[in-house]
Amino acid sequence: MEFDYKDFHIDATPLSEGGHYFARAKLLRRSADGTQLVEQKWSGDLGQFPSERDAMEYARRWAIEWVDENG
């Protein structure tokens, strides 16, 4: 799942491995002129979930909270 939030583009696509899904997020910030995306933060694995949907939702919430606190 990819989406835009404030000045960030967020990729909250989980990693699928061994029947489990690992939540993670990559946050890219728009450059000052708005023409480029620059990597700002990589979450690493945020936890293991039984479904892709659960992992994606956890990563989405984590990313939004990170942006609100640090963006």
PDB file of N, CA and C in Angstrom:
ATOM      1  N   MET A   1       0.846  -1.171   0.000  1.00  0.00           N
ATOM      2  CA  MET A   1       0.000   0.000   0.000  1.00  0.00           C
ATOM      3  C   MET A   1       0.894   1.236   0.000  1.00  0.00           C
ATOM      4  N   GLU A   2       0.672   2.085  -0.951  1.00  0.00           N
ATOM      5  CA  GLU A   2       1.394   3.351  -1.019  1.00  0.00           C
ATOM      6  C   GLU A   2       0.382   4.489  -0.956  1.00  0.00           C
ATOM      7  N   PHE A   3       0.756   5.551  -0.244  1.00  0.00           N
ATOM      8  CA  PHE A   3      -0.134   6.698  -0.118  1.00  0.00           C
ATOM      9  C   PHE A   3       0.675   7.933   0.239  1.00  0.00           C
ATOM     10  N   ASP A   4       0.066   9.077   0.059  1.00  0.00           N
ATOM     11  CA  ASP A   4       0.687  10.348   0.425  1.00  0.00           C
ATOM     12  C   ASP A   4       0.050  10.863   1.707  1.00  0.00           C
ATOM     13  N   TYR A   5       0.894  11.425   2.572  1.00  0.00           N
ATOM     14  CA  TYR A   5       0.432  12.008   3.819  1.00  0.00           C
ATOM     15  C   TYR A   5       1.312  13.214   4.120  1.00  0.00           C
ATOM     16  N   LYS A   6       0.705  14.361   4.207  1.00  0.00           N
ATOM     17  CA  LYS A   6       1.409  15.631   4.387  1.00  0.00           C
ATOM     18  C   LYS A   6       2.465  15.756   3.299  1.00  0.00           C
ATOM     19  N   ASP A   7       3.734  15.987   3.647  1.00  0.00           N
ATOM     20  CA  ASP A   7       4.795  16.139   2.644  1.00  0.00           C
ATOM     21  C   ASP A   7       5.495  14.817   2.336  1.00  0.00           C
ATOM     22  N   PHE A   8       4.898  13.698   2.695  1.00  0.00           N
ATOM     23  CA  PHE A   8       5.541  12.395   2.563  1.00  0.00           C
ATOM     24  C   PHE A   8       4.786  11.473   1.618  1.00  0.00           C
ATOM     25  N   HIS A   9       5.555  10.604   0.972  1.00  0.00           N
ATOM     26  CA  HIS A   9       4.990   9.469   0.239  1.00  0.00           C
ATOM     27  C   HIS A   9       5.391   8.251   1.062  1.00  0.00           C
ATOM     28  N   ILE A  10       4.417   7.415   1.398  1.00  0.00           N
ATOM     29  CA  ILE A  10       4.654   6.294   2.303  1.00  0.00           C
ATOM     30  C   ILE A  10       4.358   4.981   1.590  1.00  0.00           C
ATOM     31  N   ASP A  11       5.293   4.050   1.716  1.00  0.00           N
ATOM     32  CA  ASP A  11       5.104   2.690   1.210  1.00  0.00           C
ATOM     33  C   ASP A  11       4.998   1.782   2.422  1.00  0.00           C
ATOM     34  N   ALA A  12       3.799   1.271   2.684  1.00  0.00           N
ATOM     35  CA  ALA A  12       3.538   0.409   3.837  1.00  0.00           C
ATOM     36  C   ALA A  12       3.246  -1.018   3.378  1.00  0.00           C
ATOM     37  N   THR A  13       3.941  -1.463   2.342  1.00  0.00           N
ATOM     38  CA  THR A  13       3.752  -2.807   1.805  1.00  0.00           C
ATOM     39  C   THR A  13       4.480  -3.808   2.696  1.00  0.00           C
ATOM     40  N   PRO A  14       3.760  -4.808   3.242  1.00  0.00           N
ATOM     41  CA  PRO A  14       4.409  -5.769   4.134  1.00  0.00           C
ATOM     42  C   PRO A  14       5.261  -6.789   3.370  1.00  0.00           C
ATOM     43  N   LEU A  15       6.181  -7.387   4.091  1.00  0.00           N
ATOM     44  CA  LEU A  15       6.996  -8.473   3.567  1.00  0.00           C
ATOM     45  C   LEU A  15       6.281  -9.780   3.890  1.00  0.00           C
ATOM     46  N   SER A  16       6.091 -10.619   2.897  1.00  0.00           N
ATOM     47  CA  SER A  16       5.448 -11.919   3.082  1.00  0.00           C
ATOM     48  C   SER A  16       6.530 -12.990   3.125  1.00  0.00           C
ATOM     49  N   GLU A  17       6.518 -13.776   4.217  1.00  0.00           N
ATOM     50  CA  GLU A  17       7.517 -14.824   4.350  1.00  0.00           C
ATOM     51  C   GLU A  17       6.991 -15.935   5.249  1.00  0.00           C
ATOM     52  N   GLY A  18       7.006 -17.153   4.737  1.00  0.00           N
ATOM     53  CA  GLY A  18       6.623 -18.314   5.540  1.00  0.00           C
ATOM     54  C   GLY A  18       5.198 -18.279   6.053  1.00  0.00           C
ATOM     55  N   GLY A  19       4.288 -17.693   5.291  1.00  0.00           N
ATOM     56  CA  GLY A  19       2.896 -17.639   5.718  1.00  0.00           C
ATOM     57  C   GLY A  19       2.586 -16.536   6.711  1.00  0.00           C
ATOM     58  N   HIS A  20       3.557 -15.687   6.977  1.00  0.00           N
ATOM     59  CA  HIS A  20       3.366 -14.558   7.880  1.00  0.00           C
ATOM     60  C   HIS A  20       3.693 -13.279   7.132  1.00  0.00           C
ATOM     61  N   TYR A  21       3.231 -12.177   7.691  1.00  0.00           N
ATOM     62  CA  TYR A  21       3.452 -10.868   7.081  1.00  0.00           C
ATOM     63  C   TYR A  21       4.142  -9.960   8.086  1.00  0.00           C
ATOM     64  N   PHE A  22       5.192  -9.298   7.624  1.00  0.00           N
ATOM     65  CA  PHE A  22       5.966  -8.423   8.480  1.00  0.00           C
ATOM     66  C   PHE A  22       5.671  -6.974   8.103  1.00  0.00           C
ATOM     67  N   ALA A  23       5.164  -6.228   9.074  1.00  0.00           N
ATOM     68  CA  ALA A  23       4.829  -4.820   8.848  1.00  0.00           C
ATOM     69  C   ALA A  23       6.112  -4.016   8.754  1.00  0.00           C
ATOM     70  N   ARG A  24       6.147  -3.087   7.803  1.00  0.00           N
ATOM     71  CA  ARG A  24       7.279  -2.180   7.656  1.00  0.00           C
ATOM     72  C   ARG A  24       6.850  -1.013   6.799  1.00  0.00           C
ATOM     73  N   ALA A  25       7.580   0.075   6.918  1.00  0.00           N
ATOM     74  CA  ALA A  25       7.209   1.276   6.163  1.00  0.00           C
ATOM     75  C   ALA A  25       8.460   2.015   5.719  1.00  0.00           C
ATOM     76  N   LYS A  26       8.365   2.580   4.539  1.00  0.00           N
ATOM     77  CA  LYS A  26       9.426   3.429   3.994  1.00  0.00           C
ATOM     78  C   LYS A  26       8.795   4.790   3.754  1.00  0.00           C
ATOM     79  N   LEU A  27       9.401   5.829   4.324  1.00  0.00           N
ATOM     80  CA  LEU A  27       8.868   7.173   4.205  1.00  0.00           C
ATOM     81  C   LEU A  27       9.794   8.014   3.341  1.00  0.00           C
ATOM     82  N   LEU A  28       9.243   8.592   2.309  1.00  0.00           N
ATOM     83  CA  LEU A  28       9.982   9.461   1.402  1.00  0.00           C
ATOM     84  C   LEU A  28       9.417  10.865   1.531  1.00  0.00           C
ATOM     85  N   ARG A  29      10.302  11.840   1.650  1.00  0.00           N
ATOM     86  CA  ARG A  29       9.872  13.230   1.799  1.00  0.00           C
ATOM     87  C   ARG A  29      10.071  13.967   0.477  1.00  0.00           C
ATOM     88  N   ARG A  30       9.144  14.821   0.153  1.00  0.00           N
ATOM     89  CA  ARG A  30       9.260  15.620  -1.059  1.00  0.00           C
ATOM     90  C   ARG A  30      10.361  16.658  -0.892  1.00  0.00           C
ATOM     91  N   SER A  31      11.144  16.860  -1.951  1.00  0.00           N
ATOM     92  CA  SER A  31      12.199  17.881  -1.917  1.00  0.00           C
ATOM     93  C   SER A  31      11.558  19.264  -1.817  1.00  0.00           C
ATOM     94  N   ALA A  32      12.356  20.251  -1.482  1.00  0.00           N
ATOM     95  CA  ALA A  32      11.851  21.615  -1.309  1.00  0.00           C
ATOM     96  C   ALA A  32      11.124  22.127  -2.543  1.00  0.00           C
ATOM     97  N   ASP A  33      11.609  21.751  -3.720  1.00  0.00           N
ATOM     98  CA  ASP A  33      10.937  22.206  -4.948  1.00  0.00           C
ATOM     99  C   ASP A  33       9.810  21.269  -5.384  1.00  0.00           C
ATOM    100  N   GLY A  34       9.607  20.166  -4.628  1.00  0.00           N
ATOM    101  CA  GLY A  34       8.495  19.249  -4.896  1.00  0.00           C
ATOM    102  C   GLY A  34       8.693  18.317  -6.067  1.00  0.00           C
ATOM    103  N   THR A  35       9.896  18.278  -6.646  1.00  0.00           N
ATOM    104  CA  THR A  35      10.110  17.465  -7.847  1.00  0.00           C
ATOM    105  C   THR A  35      10.682  16.086  -7.567  1.00  0.00           C
ATOM    106  N   GLN A  36      11.209  15.863  -6.358  1.00  0.00           N
ATOM    107  CA  GLN A  36      11.849  14.590  -6.052  1.00  0.00           C
ATOM    108  C   GLN A  36      11.368  14.066  -4.706  1.00  0.00           C
ATOM    109  N   LEU A  37      11.484  12.751  -4.553  1.00  0.00           N
ATOM    110  CA  LEU A  37      11.233  12.121  -3.268  1.00  0.00           C
ATOM    111  C   LEU A  37      12.572  11.638  -2.721  1.00  0.00           C
ATOM    112  N   VAL A  38      12.861  11.965  -1.469  1.00  0.00           N
ATOM    113  CA  VAL A  38      14.116  11.605  -0.832  1.00  0.00           C
ATOM    114  C   VAL A  38      13.798  10.737   0.378  1.00  0.00           C
ATOM    115  N   GLU A  39      14.501   9.597   0.506  1.00  0.00           N
ATOM    116  CA  GLU A  39      14.228   8.714   1.637  1.00  0.00           C
ATOM    117  C   GLU A  39      14.483   9.445   2.943  1.00  0.00           C
ATOM    118  N   GLN A  40      13.503   9.407   3.821  1.00  0.00           N
ATOM    119  CA  GLN A  40      13.580  10.099   5.104  1.00  0.00           C
ATOM    120  C   GLN A  40      13.698   9.109   6.261  1.00  0.00           C
ATOM    121  N   LYS A  41      12.964   8.001   6.169  1.00  0.00           N
ATOM    122  CA  LYS A  41      12.924   7.063   7.296  1.00  0.00           C
ATOM    123  C   LYS A  41      12.566   5.682   6.789  1.00  0.00           C
ATOM    124  N   TRP A  42      13.224   4.679   7.335  1.00  0.00           N
ATOM    125  CA  TRP A  42      12.907   3.279   7.071  1.00  0.00           C
ATOM    126  C   TRP A  42      12.614   2.645   8.421  1.00  0.00           C
ATOM    127  N   SER A  43      11.464   2.028   8.570  1.00  0.00           N
ATOM    128  CA  SER A  43      11.052   1.524   9.874  1.00  0.00           C
ATOM    129  C   SER A  43      11.763   0.259  10.299  1.00  0.00           C
ATOM    130  N   GLY A  44      12.205  -0.545   9.340  1.00  0.00           N
ATOM    131  CA  GLY A  44      12.617  -1.898   9.686  1.00  0.00           C
ATOM    132  C   GLY A  44      11.355  -2.700   9.967  1.00  0.00           C
ATOM    133  N   ASP A  45      11.511  -3.937  10.404  1.00  0.00           N
ATOM    134  CA  ASP A  45      10.320  -4.754  10.693  1.00  0.00           C
ATOM    135  C   ASP A  45       9.652  -4.263  11.967  1.00  0.00           C
ATOM    136  N   LEU A  46       8.340  -4.049  11.875  1.00  0.00           N
ATOM    137  CA  LEU A  46       7.562  -3.527  13.003  1.00  0.00           C
ATOM    138  C   LEU A  46       6.792  -4.616  13.745  1.00  0.00           C
ATOM    139  N   GLY A  47       6.849  -5.821  13.249  1.00  0.00           N
ATOM    140  CA  GLY A  47       6.142  -6.923  13.884  1.00  0.00           C
ATOM    141  C   GLY A  47       5.613  -7.895  12.860  1.00  0.00           C
ATOM    142  N   GLN A  48       5.269  -9.080  13.340  1.00  0.00           N
ATOM    143  CA  GLN A  48       4.762 -10.158  12.498  1.00  0.00           C
ATOM    144  C   GLN A  48       3.254 -10.289  12.693  1.00  0.00           C
ATOM    145  N   PHE A  49       2.530 -10.468  11.577  1.00  0.00           N
ATOM    146  CA  PHE A  49       1.074 -10.517  11.616  1.00  0.00           C
ATOM    147  C   PHE A  49       0.566 -11.696  10.793  1.00  0.00           C
ATOM    148  N   PRO A  50      -0.603 -12.235  11.151  1.00  0.00           N
ATOM    149  CA  PRO A  50      -1.142 -13.386  10.425  1.00  0.00           C
ATOM    150  C   PRO A  50      -1.748 -13.029   9.067  1.00  0.00           C
ATOM    151  N   SER A  51      -2.037 -11.739   8.845  1.00  0.00           N
ATOM    152  CA  SER A  51      -2.638 -11.358   7.559  1.00  0.00           C
ATOM    153  C   SER A  51      -1.934 -10.136   6.988  1.00  0.00           C
ATOM    154  N   GLU A  52      -1.962 -10.056   5.666  1.00  0.00           N
ATOM    155  CA  GLU A  52      -1.366  -8.914   4.979  1.00  0.00           C
ATOM    156  C   GLU A  52      -2.070  -7.625   5.384  1.00  0.00           C
ATOM    157  N   ARG A  53      -3.373  -7.694   5.507  1.00  0.00           N
ATOM    158  CA  ARG A  53      -4.156  -6.508   5.872  1.00  0.00           C
ATOM    159  C   ARG A  53      -3.759  -5.966   7.245  1.00  0.00           C
ATOM    160  N   ASP A  54      -3.599  -6.863   8.215  1.00  0.00           N
ATOM    161  CA  ASP A  54      -3.212  -6.432   9.562  1.00  0.00           C
ATOM    162  C   ASP A  54      -1.829  -5.785   9.556  1.00  0.00           C
ATOM    163  N   ALA A  55      -0.895  -6.394   8.834  1.00  0.00           N
ATOM    164  CA  ALA A  55       0.460  -5.847   8.761  1.00  0.00           C
ATOM    165  C   ALA A  55       0.460  -4.477   8.090  1.00  0.00           C
ATOM    166  N   MET A  56      -0.294  -4.359   7.015  1.00  0.00           N
ATOM    167  CA  MET A  56      -0.366  -3.096   6.279  1.00  0.00           C
ATOM    168  C   MET A  56      -0.980  -1.997   7.141  1.00  0.00           C
ATOM    169  N   GLU A  57      -2.033  -2.317   7.849  1.00  0.00           N
ATOM    170  CA  GLU A  57      -2.698  -1.322   8.691  1.00  0.00           C
ATOM    171  C   GLU A  57      -1.784  -0.873   9.836  1.00  0.00           C
ATOM    172  N   TYR A  58      -1.057  -1.802  10.418  1.00  0.00           N
ATOM    173  CA  TYR A  58      -0.134  -1.436  11.497  1.00  0.00           C
ATOM    174  C   TYR A  58       0.950  -0.503  10.973  1.00  0.00           C
ATOM    175  N   ALA A  59       1.528  -0.843   9.826  1.00  0.00           N
ATOM    176  CA  ALA A  59       2.577  -0.008   9.234  1.00  0.00           C
ATOM    177  C   ALA A  59       2.029   1.366   8.850  1.00  0.00           C
ATOM    178  N   ARG A  60       0.813   1.406   8.338  1.00  0.00           N
ATOM    179  CA  ARG A  60       0.184   2.680   7.964  1.00  0.00           C
ATOM    180  C   ARG A  60       0.042   3.584   9.194  1.00  0.00           C
ATOM    181  N   ARG A  61      -0.478   3.022  10.273  1.00  0.00           N
ATOM    182  CA  ARG A  61      -0.658   3.810  11.502  1.00  0.00           C
ATOM    183  C   ARG A  61       0.690   4.265  12.066  1.00  0.00           C
ATOM    184  N   TRP A  62       1.681   3.374  12.040  1.00  0.00           N
ATOM    185  CA  TRP A  62       3.011   3.721  12.533  1.00  0.00           C
ATOM    186  C   TRP A  62       3.580   4.891  11.741  1.00  0.00           C
ATOM    187  N   ALA A  63       3.473   4.835  10.423  1.00  0.00           N
ATOM    188  CA  ALA A  63       4.029   5.881   9.556  1.00  0.00           C
ATOM    189  C   ALA A  63       3.346   7.218   9.799  1.00  0.00           C
ATOM    190  N   ILE A  64       2.039   7.222   9.915  1.00  0.00           N
ATOM    191  CA  ILE A  64       1.320   8.468  10.166  1.00  0.00           C
ATOM    192  C   ILE A  64       1.733   9.066  11.504  1.00  0.00           C
ATOM    193  N   GLU A  65       1.854   8.221  12.515  1.00  0.00           N
ATOM    194  CA  GLU A  65       2.277   8.705  13.829  1.00  0.00           C
ATOM    195  C   GLU A  65       3.698   9.274  13.761  1.00  0.00           C
ATOM    196  N   TRP A  66       4.598   8.588  13.031  1.00  0.00           N
ATOM    197  CA  TRP A  66       5.967   9.081  12.908  1.00  0.00           C
ATOM    198  C   TRP A  66       5.994  10.446  12.229  1.00  0.00           C
ATOM    199  N   VAL A  67       5.246  10.593  11.152  1.00  0.00           N
ATOM    200  CA  VAL A  67       5.197  11.877  10.441  1.00  0.00           C
ATOM    201  C   VAL A  67       4.653  12.966  11.362  1.00  0.00           C
ATOM    202  N   ASP A  68       3.586  12.667  12.077  1.00  0.00           N
ATOM    203  CA  ASP A  68       2.994  13.670  12.964  1.00  0.00           C
ATOM    204  C   ASP A  68       3.977  14.109  14.053  1.00  0.00           C
ATOM    205  N   GLU A  69       4.821  13.203  14.536  1.00  0.00           N
ATOM    206  CA  GLU A  69       5.764  13.531  15.595  1.00  0.00           C
ATOM    207  C   GLU A  69       7.077  14.124  15.078  1.00  0.00           C
ATOM    208  N   ASN A  70       7.483  13.749  13.856  1.00  0.00           N
ATOM    209  CA  ASN A  70       8.810  14.116  13.368  1.00  0.00           C
ATOM    210  C   ASN A  70       8.822  14.928  12.090  1.00  0.00           C
ATOM    211  N   GLY A  71       7.714  14.941  11.400  1.00  0.00           N
ATOM    212  CA  GLY A  71       7.677  15.579  10.076  1.00  0.00           C
ATOM    213  C   GLY A  71       7.601  17.045  10.174  1.00  0.00           C
TER     214      GLY A  71
END
